[in-house]
Structures are given as C-alpha cells and as structure tokens.
Amino acid sequence: MVNIKVFTFNPFQENTYVLYNETGQALLIDPGCYFPGELDMLEKFITEKKLRVEQLVNTHCHLDHIFGNQAVSQKWALPLQIHSWEKVVLSHGGATAAMYNLELDDFTGQLHFLAEGDTIHLGEDSFTVLLAPGHSPGSICLYCAAQHFVIGGDVLFRDSIGRTDLPGGDHQQLLENIREKLFTLPEDTIVYPGHGPETTIGYEKKNNPFLQV
C-alpha cells in the first residue's frame, strides 16, 4: 500500500510528494526545496520513517518543481526521471530562476526518460505514466489504479487548470489531455496536484469552470 506525504515548499507554494510503502521504499516527486530548512525537513521525515529513497521523478520541469533536484539526486545517488520533451525546460532552470531573483544551479545528474504508458514500480506497487502536455511540453501524471489516485503535477487543480502562457504551453492541448487522460479515470480518483488542495476527478468533471461544455 502506498502512503502519501506532501510538503509545501518554496516561494511558489509547490507541493512536493513522498510516496512510500510498508517496506520503506520511497519515491520523491517534484522536490521543490528552496528555502533554508526545507531540504532538512524532507530529509528528517525520510530518516524518521526509515525510508529508502529509490526514485526521483519530475512531473514537469518548471522552476518551482525542480529546486531540490540536484540535492536529492546527489544525496541518494538517483537519476532524474522526466519525459524527454521536458529536457529543454530543465536546461533553462537557472536562467529562469535569475528572472525571479532566485538562485538555482542547472541539473548536472543523470537523466532517465519516461514515456506514455510506462510503469514505475515501487516494490509491489505501480504507477502508470500519463502524458498530458499543455501546461508544459512534456507534463506527465502518475496514476495508481490500485488505490485510485493520480499525482497530477500542474495539469489539473481544484476548480482550475495549469497556466498555459509559459513557453511550450498550449491551452487547447491541455484541455484535450485533461478530458482524454484524466477525465476517463474513475470519478473517485483522488488528484494530488502540484499546488493547492487535493480534489477528485468526479468533482472536477462537474465543477471545474474551465472544463464545462
């Protein structure tokens, strides 16, 4: 069974996720650690829970989701798993940070590319990669069918959707992917987004103002 711990980090209030099971295996998604103490907070939780961090994934590579990539990759000797279309976004991380008067060293670790339909395993638990561009060129979501939840990145929020005015964004593409990739999931599927509170597929189908016909 997968347990989910969320931390809200950095100036953009980004949700960083730790997924872990009863054997102590852990997957880190979108480590946004930026302010002093945030990485320590993440490490303290992992130590107290006696977790073994085995994988590192970015749902997409916008600035607020990648602040902690380098530190996490180095500490636990992990490659960074992203969709190949996000490589160009990742490569501009440092320059983008400078535009906000923030500091970020570009990621120098190993990359592993994920594709639509790939399966990420965490012990006996598994997550299906759903490719859902529109907010970012290679945005992915991770769907756990066994427990009816999806880690959605910035694709879908409670009563909202990801912004599409950044480089590589496409509003119509995002709407199509939400309808085709997420709204086809069971309505009780919990959506854990990159910002803000969790929601469900059923709630968003009925209430999200961006997706009403």
C-alpha atoms as a PDB file:
ATOM      1  CA  MET A   1       0.000   0.000   0.000  1.00  0.00           C
ATOM      2  CA  VAL A   2       1.240   3.463  -0.925  1.00  0.00           C
ATOM      3  CA  ASN A   3       1.350   6.217   1.688  1.00  0.00           C
ATOM      4  CA  ILE A   4       1.481   9.834   0.550  1.00  0.00           C
ATOM      5  CA  LYS A   5       3.223  12.684   2.336  1.00  0.00           C
ATOM      6  CA  VAL A   6       3.022  16.204   0.934  1.00  0.00           C
ATOM      7  CA  PHE A   7       5.304  19.127   1.727  1.00  0.00           C
ATOM      8  CA  THR A   8       4.583  22.652   0.505  1.00  0.00           C
ATOM      9  CA  PHE A   9       7.851  24.352  -0.397  1.00  0.00           C
ATOM     10  CA  ASN A  10       9.473  27.445  -1.959  1.00  0.00           C
ATOM     11  CA  PRO A  11       8.112  30.906  -2.853  1.00  0.00           C
ATOM     12  CA  PHE A  12       5.592  29.364  -5.269  1.00  0.00           C
ATOM     13  CA  GLN A  13       3.983  27.117  -2.629  1.00  0.00           C
ATOM     14  CA  GLU A  14       4.657  23.964  -4.639  1.00  0.00           C
ATOM     15  CA  ASN A  15       3.603  20.522  -3.464  1.00  0.00           C
ATOM     16  CA  THR A  16       6.462  18.052  -3.083  1.00  0.00           C
ATOM     17  CA  TYR A  17       5.383  14.417  -2.705  1.00  0.00           C
ATOM     18  CA  VAL A  18       6.932  11.463  -0.936  1.00  0.00           C
ATOM     19  CA  LEU A  19       5.292   8.168  -1.870  1.00  0.00           C
ATOM     20  CA  TYR A  20       6.310   5.209   0.265  1.00  0.00           C
ATOM     21  CA  ASN A  21       5.168   1.704   1.135  1.00  0.00           C
ATOM     22  CA  GLU A  22       5.222  -0.576   4.160  1.00  0.00           C
ATOM     23  CA  THR A  23       8.671  -1.920   3.257  1.00  0.00           C
ATOM     24  CA  GLY A  24      10.209   1.570   3.407  1.00  0.00           C
ATOM     25  CA  GLN A  25      10.725   2.050  -0.320  1.00  0.00           C
ATOM     26  CA  ALA A  26      10.160   5.664  -1.354  1.00  0.00           C
ATOM     27  CA  LEU A  27       9.642   7.724  -4.497  1.00  0.00           C
ATOM     28  CA  LEU A  28      10.196  11.501  -4.474  1.00  0.00           C
ATOM     29  CA  ILE A  29       8.156  13.596  -6.884  1.00  0.00           C
ATOM     30  CA  ASP A  30       8.917  17.248  -7.723  1.00  0.00           C
ATOM     31  CA  PRO A  31      11.270  18.165  -4.863  1.00  0.00           C
ATOM     32  CA  GLY A  32      10.745  21.911  -4.592  1.00  0.00           C
ATOM     33  CA  CYS A  33      13.051  22.506  -1.612  1.00  0.00           C
ATOM     34  CA  TYR A  34      14.393  26.067  -1.792  1.00  0.00           C
ATOM     35  CA  PHE A  35      14.294  27.961   1.495  1.00  0.00           C
ATOM     36  CA  PRO A  36      16.794  27.113   4.246  1.00  0.00           C
ATOM     37  CA  GLY A  37      15.483  24.184   6.228  1.00  0.00           C
ATOM     38  CA  GLU A  38      13.180  22.767   3.566  1.00  0.00           C
ATOM     39  CA  LEU A  39      15.610  20.093   2.430  1.00  0.00           C
ATOM     40  CA  ASP A  40      16.329  19.337   6.098  1.00  0.00           C
ATOM     41  CA  MET A  41      12.599  18.927   6.704  1.00  0.00           C
ATOM     42  CA  LEU A  42      12.360  16.452   3.835  1.00  0.00           C
ATOM     43  CA  GLU A  43      15.415  14.518   4.999  1.00  0.00           C
ATOM     44  CA  LYS A  44      14.156  14.434   8.590  1.00  0.00           C
ATOM     45  CA  PHE A  45      10.881  12.846   7.508  1.00  0.00           C
ATOM     46  CA  ILE A  46      12.697  10.252   5.431  1.00  0.00           C
ATOM     47  CA  THR A  47      15.042   9.444   8.302  1.00  0.00           C
ATOM     48  CA  GLU A  48      12.295   9.220  10.921  1.00  0.00           C
ATOM     49  CA  LYS A  49      10.229   6.924   8.701  1.00  0.00           C
ATOM     50  CA  LYS A  50      13.367   4.873   7.900  1.00  0.00           C
ATOM     51  CA  LEU A  51      12.687   5.169   4.196  1.00  0.00           C
ATOM     52  CA  ARG A  52      14.943   4.161   1.324  1.00  0.00           C
ATOM     53  CA  VAL A  53      14.619   6.705  -1.467  1.00  0.00           C
ATOM     54  CA  GLU A  54      14.792   4.701  -4.680  1.00  0.00           C
ATOM     55  CA  GLN A  55      13.411   7.006  -7.373  1.00  0.00           C
ATOM     56  CA  LEU A  56      13.193  10.683  -8.291  1.00  0.00           C
ATOM     57  CA  VAL A  57      10.581  11.955 -10.768  1.00  0.00           C
ATOM     58  CA  ASN A  58       9.552  15.363 -12.100  1.00  0.00           C
ATOM     59  CA  THR A  59       6.008  15.682 -13.412  1.00  0.00           C
ATOM     60  CA  HIS A  60       7.423  18.616 -15.376  1.00  0.00           C
ATOM     61  CA  CYS A  61      10.440  20.881 -15.088  1.00  0.00           C
ATOM     62  CA  HIS A  62       9.144  24.339 -14.335  1.00  0.00           C
ATOM     63  CA  LEU A  63      11.266  26.214 -11.828  1.00  0.00           C
ATOM     64  CA  ASP A  64       9.153  25.615  -8.738  1.00  0.00           C
ATOM     65  CA  HIS A  65       9.207  21.836  -9.172  1.00  0.00           C
ATOM     66  CA  ILE A  66      12.955  21.390  -9.635  1.00  0.00           C
ATOM     67  CA  PHE A  67      14.698  23.418  -6.912  1.00  0.00           C
ATOM     68  CA  GLY A  68      15.651  20.274  -4.977  1.00  0.00           C
ATOM     69  CA  ASN A  69      16.545  18.012  -7.899  1.00  0.00           C
ATOM     70  CA  GLN A  70      20.312  18.351  -7.626  1.00  0.00           C
ATOM     71  CA  ALA A  71      20.449  17.851  -3.855  1.00  0.00           C
ATOM     72  CA  VAL A  72      18.102  14.853  -3.902  1.00  0.00           C
ATOM     73  CA  SER A  73      19.848  13.251  -6.858  1.00  0.00           C
ATOM     74  CA  GLN A  74      23.252  13.600  -5.206  1.00  0.00           C
ATOM     75  CA  LYS A  75      22.216  12.548  -1.705  1.00  0.00           C
ATOM     76  CA  TRP A  76      20.532   9.327  -2.780  1.00  0.00           C
ATOM     77  CA  ALA A  77      22.536   8.692  -5.992  1.00  0.00           C
ATOM     78  CA  LEU A  78      19.458   8.796  -8.218  1.00  0.00           C
ATOM     79  CA  PRO A  79      18.877   9.649 -11.867  1.00  0.00           C
ATOM     80  CA  LEU A  80      16.134  12.164 -12.568  1.00  0.00           C
ATOM     81  CA  GLN A  81      13.172  10.699 -14.416  1.00  0.00           C
ATOM     82  CA  ILE A  82      11.320  13.056 -16.774  1.00  0.00           C
ATOM     83  CA  HIS A  83       9.676  12.958 -20.170  1.00  0.00           C
ATOM     84  CA  SER A  84      12.182  13.735 -22.922  1.00  0.00           C
ATOM     85  CA  TRP A  85      10.165  16.784 -24.015  1.00  0.00           C
ATOM     86  CA  GLU A  86      10.937  18.383 -20.647  1.00  0.00           C
ATOM     87  CA  LYS A  87      14.708  18.314 -21.131  1.00  0.00           C
ATOM     88  CA  VAL A  88      14.735  21.757 -22.742  1.00  0.00           C
ATOM     89  CA  VAL A  89      12.656  23.198 -19.882  1.00  0.00           C
ATOM     90  CA  LEU A  90      15.030  21.667 -17.324  1.00  0.00           C
ATOM     91  CA  SER A  91      18.032  23.150 -19.117  1.00  0.00           C
ATOM     92  CA  HIS A  92      16.674  26.677 -18.630  1.00  0.00           C
ATOM     93  CA  GLY A  93      16.124  26.277 -14.888  1.00  0.00           C
ATOM     94  CA  GLY A  94      18.988  28.501 -13.785  1.00  0.00           C
ATOM     95  CA  ALA A  95      18.172  31.266 -16.245  1.00  0.00           C
ATOM     96  CA  THR A  96      14.508  31.196 -15.269  1.00  0.00           C
ATOM     97  CA  ALA A  97      15.395  31.429 -11.581  1.00  0.00           C
ATOM     98  CA  ALA A  98      17.505  34.503 -12.245  1.00  0.00           C
ATOM     99  CA  MET A  99      14.459  36.211 -13.774  1.00  0.00           C
ATOM    100  CA  TYR A 100      12.797  35.915 -10.358  1.00  0.00           C
ATOM    101  CA  ASN A 101      15.972  36.966  -8.495  1.00  0.00           C
ATOM    102  CA  LEU A 102      16.293  33.397  -7.213  1.00  0.00           C
ATOM    103  CA  GLU A 103      19.267  31.060  -7.346  1.00  0.00           C
ATOM    104  CA  LEU A 104      19.372  27.628  -8.951  1.00  0.00           C
ATOM    105  CA  ASP A 105      22.256  25.640 -10.367  1.00  0.00           C
ATOM    106  CA  ASP A 106      21.309  23.734 -13.504  1.00  0.00           C
ATOM    107  CA  PHE A 107      20.866  19.996 -13.006  1.00  0.00           C
ATOM    108  CA  THR A 108      24.008  18.012 -13.837  1.00  0.00           C
ATOM    109  CA  GLY A 109      22.945  14.498 -12.870  1.00  0.00           C
ATOM    110  CA  GLN A 110      21.887  11.553 -14.989  1.00  0.00           C
ATOM    111  CA  LEU A 111      18.556  11.666 -16.796  1.00  0.00           C
ATOM    112  CA  HIS A 112      16.156   8.795 -17.469  1.00  0.00           C
ATOM    113  CA  PHE A 113      13.334   9.442 -19.900  1.00  0.00           C
ATOM    114  CA  LEU A 114       9.797   8.266 -19.292  1.00  0.00           C
ATOM    115  CA  ALA A 115       7.163   7.768 -21.971  1.00  0.00           C
ATOM    116  CA  GLU A 116       3.390   7.470 -22.183  1.00  0.00           C
ATOM    117  CA  GLY A 117       2.271   4.119 -20.774  1.00  0.00           C
ATOM    118  CA  ASP A 118       5.484   3.357 -18.893  1.00  0.00           C
ATOM    119  CA  THR A 119       5.124   1.742 -15.484  1.00  0.00           C
ATOM    120  CA  ILE A 120       7.065   2.962 -12.456  1.00  0.00           C
ATOM    121  CA  HIS A 121       7.407   0.289  -9.799  1.00  0.00           C
ATOM    122  CA  LEU A 122       7.793   0.858  -6.082  1.00  0.00           C
ATOM    123  CA  GLY A 123       8.090  -2.639  -4.695  1.00  0.00           C
ATOM    124  CA  GLU A 124       4.766  -4.326  -5.407  1.00  0.00           C
ATOM    125  CA  ASP A 125       3.052  -1.010  -6.117  1.00  0.00           C
ATOM    126  CA  SER A 126       2.965   0.544  -9.578  1.00  0.00           C
ATOM    127  CA  PHE A 127       2.163   3.827 -11.309  1.00  0.00           C
ATOM    128  CA  THR A 128       1.270   4.354 -14.941  1.00  0.00           C
ATOM    129  CA  VAL A 129       2.765   7.323 -16.758  1.00  0.00           C
ATOM    130  CA  LEU A 130       0.124   9.501 -18.427  1.00  0.00           C
ATOM    131  CA  LEU A 131       1.497  12.065 -20.877  1.00  0.00           C
ATOM    132  CA  ALA A 132      -0.563  15.264 -20.642  1.00  0.00           C
ATOM    133  CA  PRO A 133       1.155  18.270 -22.267  1.00  0.00           C
ATOM    134  CA  GLY A 134      -0.349  21.709 -22.408  1.00  0.00           C
ATOM    135  CA  HIS A 135       0.922  23.335 -19.230  1.00  0.00           C
ATOM    136  CA  SER A 136       4.433  22.275 -20.173  1.00  0.00           C
ATOM    137  CA  PRO A 137       5.703  20.439 -23.275  1.00  0.00           C
ATOM    138  CA  GLY A 138       6.145  17.065 -21.573  1.00  0.00           C
ATOM    139  CA  SER A 139       3.963  17.168 -18.470  1.00  0.00           C
ATOM    140  CA  ILE A 140       3.220  13.734 -17.043  1.00  0.00           C
ATOM    141  CA  CYS A 141       0.877  12.404 -14.382  1.00  0.00           C
ATOM    142  CA  LEU A 142       1.420   9.225 -12.348  1.00  0.00           C
ATOM    143  CA  TYR A 143      -1.695   7.078 -11.919  1.00  0.00           C
ATOM    144  CA  CYS A 144      -2.056   4.425  -9.238  1.00  0.00           C
ATOM    145  CA  ALA A 145      -5.001   2.304 -10.382  1.00  0.00           C
ATOM    146  CA  ALA A 146      -4.911   0.039  -7.337  1.00  0.00           C
ATOM    147  CA  GLN A 147      -5.548   2.928  -4.933  1.00  0.00           C
ATOM    148  CA  HIS A 148      -7.420   5.281  -7.236  1.00  0.00           C
ATOM    149  CA  PHE A 149      -5.159   8.321  -7.110  1.00  0.00           C
ATOM    150  CA  VAL A 150      -3.093  10.340  -9.542  1.00  0.00           C
ATOM    151  CA  ILE A 151      -0.157  12.667  -8.946  1.00  0.00           C
ATOM    152  CA  GLY A 152      -1.145  15.338 -11.414  1.00  0.00           C
ATOM    153  CA  GLY A 153       1.578  17.972 -11.396  1.00  0.00           C
ATOM    154  CA  ASP A 154       0.230  21.267 -12.733  1.00  0.00           C
ATOM    155  CA  VAL A 155      -2.226  19.735 -15.198  1.00  0.00           C
ATOM    156  CA  LEU A 156      -5.393  19.886 -13.091  1.00  0.00           C
ATOM    157  CA  PHE A 157      -6.190  21.754  -9.879  1.00  0.00           C
ATOM    158  CA  ARG A 158      -9.268  22.016  -7.703  1.00  0.00           C
ATOM    159  CA  ASP A 159     -11.567  24.316  -9.693  1.00  0.00           C
ATOM    160  CA  SER A 160      -8.727  25.268 -12.050  1.00  0.00           C
ATOM    161  CA  ILE A 161      -6.114  24.091 -14.548  1.00  0.00           C
ATOM    162  CA  GLY A 162      -2.435  24.744 -15.171  1.00  0.00           C
ATOM    163  CA  ARG A 163      -1.462  28.043 -16.746  1.00  0.00           C
ATOM    164  CA  THR A 164      -0.654  27.899 -20.445  1.00  0.00           C
ATOM    165  CA  ASP A 165       1.051  31.249 -21.042  1.00  0.00           C
ATOM    166  CA  LEU A 166       4.581  29.986 -20.415  1.00  0.00           C
ATOM    167  CA  PRO A 167       6.896  28.764 -23.225  1.00  0.00           C
ATOM    168  CA  GLY A 168       5.608  25.469 -24.598  1.00  0.00           C
ATOM    169  CA  GLY A 169       2.130  25.968 -23.170  1.00  0.00           C
ATOM    170  CA  ASP A 170      -0.979  25.224 -25.212  1.00  0.00           C
ATOM    171  CA  HIS A 171      -4.402  25.888 -23.735  1.00  0.00           C
ATOM    172  CA  GLN A 172      -6.432  23.737 -26.102  1.00  0.00           C
ATOM    173  CA  GLN A 173      -3.963  20.875 -25.816  1.00  0.00           C
ATOM    174  CA  LEU A 174      -4.178  20.994 -22.033  1.00  0.00           C
ATOM    175  CA  LEU A 175      -7.983  20.851 -22.070  1.00  0.00           C
ATOM    176  CA  GLU A 176      -7.929  17.924 -24.504  1.00  0.00           C
ATOM    177  CA  ASN A 177      -5.432  15.993 -22.391  1.00  0.00           C
ATOM    178  CA  ILE A 178      -7.406  16.554 -19.204  1.00  0.00           C
ATOM    179  CA  ARG A 179     -10.532  15.222 -20.886  1.00  0.00           C
ATOM    180  CA  GLU A 180      -8.790  12.304 -22.609  1.00  0.00           C
ATOM    181  CA  LYS A 181      -6.224  11.264 -19.991  1.00  0.00           C
ATOM    182  CA  LEU A 182      -7.696  12.264 -16.621  1.00  0.00           C
ATOM    183  CA  PHE A 183     -11.463  12.519 -17.039  1.00  0.00           C
ATOM    184  CA  THR A 184     -11.504   8.929 -18.304  1.00  0.00           C
ATOM    185  CA  LEU A 185     -10.289   7.737 -14.884  1.00  0.00           C
ATOM    186  CA  PRO A 186     -12.813   6.575 -12.254  1.00  0.00           C
ATOM    187  CA  GLU A 187     -14.669   9.500 -10.704  1.00  0.00           C
ATOM    188  CA  ASP A 188     -13.481   8.646  -7.199  1.00  0.00           C
ATOM    189  CA  THR A 189      -9.840   9.004  -8.291  1.00  0.00           C
ATOM    190  CA  ILE A 190      -8.088  11.481  -5.984  1.00  0.00           C
ATOM    191  CA  VAL A 191      -5.984  14.098  -7.757  1.00  0.00           C
ATOM    192  CA  TYR A 192      -2.913  15.285  -5.872  1.00  0.00           C
ATOM    193  CA  PRO A 193      -1.875  18.491  -7.680  1.00  0.00           C
ATOM    194  CA  GLY A 194       1.339  20.464  -7.851  1.00  0.00           C
ATOM    195  CA  HIS A 195      -0.251  23.334  -5.906  1.00  0.00           C
ATOM    196  CA  GLY A 196      -3.178  23.625  -3.553  1.00  0.00           C
ATOM    197  CA  PRO A 197      -5.504  21.009  -2.080  1.00  0.00           C
ATOM    198  CA  GLU A 198      -6.386  17.610  -3.450  1.00  0.00           C
ATOM    199  CA  THR A 199      -9.536  17.047  -5.438  1.00  0.00           C
ATOM    200  CA  THR A 200     -11.289  14.219  -7.306  1.00  0.00           C
ATOM    201  CA  ILE A 201     -11.957  13.500 -10.943  1.00  0.00           C
ATOM    202  CA  GLY A 202     -15.696  13.426 -10.302  1.00  0.00           C
ATOM    203  CA  TYR A 203     -15.691  16.829  -8.619  1.00  0.00           C
ATOM    204  CA  GLU A 204     -13.716  18.451 -11.413  1.00  0.00           C
ATOM    205  CA  LYS A 205     -15.892  16.954 -14.141  1.00  0.00           C
ATOM    206  CA  LYS A 206     -18.928  18.542 -12.510  1.00  0.00           C
ATOM    207  CA  ASN A 207     -17.490  21.796 -11.194  1.00  0.00           C
ATOM    208  CA  ASN A 208     -14.270  22.878 -12.900  1.00  0.00           C
ATOM    209  CA  PRO A 209     -15.211  26.097 -14.765  1.00  0.00           C
ATOM    210  CA  PHE A 210     -12.525  25.570 -17.413  1.00  0.00           C
ATOM    211  CA  LEU A 211     -13.937  22.201 -18.436  1.00  0.00           C
ATOM    212  CA  GLN A 212     -17.660  22.692 -18.583  1.00  0.00           C
ATOM    213  CA  VAL A 213     -19.173  22.183 -22.034  1.00  0.00           C
END
